């Protein structure tokens, strides 16, 4: 393996790890915000009257996040 390949592999490995760790750090926060938003809306309006759009808006996340968690 050449020096350039070693440097590139090192950079890729570090990038992958930093992205992985940053995703892992934000997931619990996102999940907690979704659950808190859903709980408060369902307590206030009732389960049948609560929409995914309202939960996402209150939690400040995209609709895909709901389905991810």
C-alpha atoms as a PDB file:
ATOM      1  CA  UNK A   1       0.000   0.000   0.000  1.00  0.00           C
ATOM      2  CA  UNK A   2       1.412   3.390  -0.979  1.00  0.00           C
ATOM      3  CA  UNK A   3       1.736   6.348   1.388  1.00  0.00           C
ATOM      4  CA  UNK A   4      -1.124   8.099  -0.389  1.00  0.00           C
ATOM      5  CA  UNK A   5      -3.404   5.081   0.049  1.00  0.00           C
ATOM      6  CA  UNK A   6      -2.501   4.924   3.749  1.00  0.00           C
ATOM      7  CA  UNK A   7      -3.313   8.608   4.191  1.00  0.00           C
ATOM      8  CA  UNK A   8      -6.588   8.284   2.311  1.00  0.00           C
ATOM      9  CA  UNK A   9      -7.622   5.198   4.266  1.00  0.00           C
ATOM     10  CA  UNK A  10      -6.807   6.956   7.522  1.00  0.00           C
ATOM     11  CA  UNK A  11      -8.869   9.997   6.503  1.00  0.00           C
ATOM     12  CA  UNK A  12     -11.807   7.839   5.438  1.00  0.00           C
ATOM     13  CA  UNK A  13     -11.686   5.800   8.649  1.00  0.00           C
ATOM     14  CA  UNK A  14     -11.625   8.937  10.786  1.00  0.00           C
ATOM     15  CA  UNK A  15     -14.449  10.520   8.818  1.00  0.00           C
ATOM     16  CA  UNK A  16     -16.609   7.418   9.087  1.00  0.00           C
ATOM     17  CA  UNK A  17     -16.035   7.220  12.830  1.00  0.00           C
ATOM     18  CA  UNK A  18     -16.769  10.895  13.450  1.00  0.00           C
ATOM     19  CA  UNK A  19     -19.960  10.697  11.399  1.00  0.00           C
ATOM     20  CA  UNK A  20     -20.947   7.514  13.215  1.00  0.00           C
ATOM     21  CA  UNK A  21     -20.323   9.040  16.639  1.00  0.00           C
ATOM     22  CA  UNK A  22     -22.129  12.275  15.802  1.00  0.00           C
ATOM     23  CA  UNK A  23     -25.163  10.284  14.624  1.00  0.00           C
ATOM     24  CA  UNK A  24     -25.094   8.164  17.768  1.00  0.00           C
ATOM     25  CA  UNK A  25     -24.947  11.284  19.956  1.00  0.00           C
ATOM     26  CA  UNK A  26     -27.942  12.936  18.283  1.00  0.00           C
ATOM     27  CA  UNK A  27     -30.215   9.907  18.104  1.00  0.00           C
ATOM     28  CA  UNK A  28     -31.170   9.750  21.794  1.00  0.00           C
ATOM     29  CA  UNK A  29     -31.926  13.477  21.755  1.00  0.00           C
ATOM     30  CA  UNK A  30     -34.122  13.161  18.655  1.00  0.00           C
ATOM     31  CA  UNK A  31     -35.945  10.140  20.037  1.00  0.00           C
ATOM     32  CA  UNK A  32     -36.556  11.915  23.337  1.00  0.00           C
ATOM     33  CA  UNK A  33     -37.875  15.030  21.580  1.00  0.00           C
ATOM     34  CA  UNK A  34     -40.235  12.903  19.482  1.00  0.00           C
ATOM     35  CA  UNK A  35     -41.552  11.018  22.479  1.00  0.00           C
ATOM     36  CA  UNK A  36     -41.997  14.185  24.538  1.00  0.00           C
ATOM     37  CA  UNK A  37     -43.825  15.925  21.696  1.00  0.00           C
ATOM     38  CA  UNK A  38     -46.069  12.930  21.022  1.00  0.00           C
ATOM     39  CA  UNK A  39     -46.874  12.501  24.711  1.00  0.00           C
ATOM     40  CA  UNK A  40     -47.766  16.138  25.290  1.00  0.00           C
ATOM     41  CA  UNK A  41     -49.920  16.344  22.152  1.00  0.00           C
ATOM     42  CA  UNK A  42     -51.729  13.111  22.903  1.00  0.00           C
ATOM     43  CA  UNK A  43     -52.411  14.152  26.484  1.00  0.00           C
ATOM     44  CA  UNK A  44     -53.711  17.539  25.331  1.00  0.00           C
ATOM     45  CA  UNK A  45     -55.673  16.556  22.218  1.00  0.00           C
ATOM     46  CA  UNK A  46     -56.141  12.825  22.550  1.00  0.00           C
ATOM     47  CA  UNK A  47     -54.584  10.020  20.555  1.00  0.00           C
ATOM     48  CA  UNK A  48     -57.013  10.076  17.589  1.00  0.00           C
ATOM     49  CA  UNK A  49     -56.658  13.841  17.095  1.00  0.00           C
ATOM     50  CA  UNK A  50     -52.841  13.878  17.071  1.00  0.00           C
ATOM     51  CA  UNK A  51     -51.124  13.783  13.687  1.00  0.00           C
ATOM     52  CA  UNK A  52     -47.580  12.848  12.711  1.00  0.00           C
ATOM     53  CA  UNK A  53     -47.162  16.321  11.207  1.00  0.00           C
ATOM     54  CA  UNK A  54     -47.958  17.956  14.555  1.00  0.00           C
ATOM     55  CA  UNK A  55     -45.538  15.688  16.408  1.00  0.00           C
ATOM     56  CA  UNK A  56     -42.761  16.474  13.918  1.00  0.00           C
ATOM     57  CA  UNK A  57     -43.434  20.196  14.068  1.00  0.00           C
ATOM     58  CA  UNK A  58     -43.380  20.262  17.860  1.00  0.00           C
ATOM     59  CA  UNK A  59     -40.236  18.100  18.051  1.00  0.00           C
ATOM     60  CA  UNK A  60     -38.498  20.057  15.291  1.00  0.00           C
ATOM     61  CA  UNK A  61     -37.664  17.003  13.193  1.00  0.00           C
ATOM     62  CA  UNK A  62     -38.512  15.681   9.746  1.00  0.00           C
ATOM     63  CA  UNK A  63     -41.301  13.207   9.178  1.00  0.00           C
ATOM     64  CA  UNK A  64     -38.755  10.515   8.283  1.00  0.00           C
ATOM     65  CA  UNK A  65     -37.393  10.687  11.818  1.00  0.00           C
ATOM     66  CA  UNK A  66     -40.702   9.428  13.172  1.00  0.00           C
ATOM     67  CA  UNK A  67     -40.531   6.341  11.030  1.00  0.00           C
ATOM     68  CA  UNK A  68     -36.844   5.859  11.809  1.00  0.00           C
ATOM     69  CA  UNK A  69     -37.521   5.670  15.535  1.00  0.00           C
END
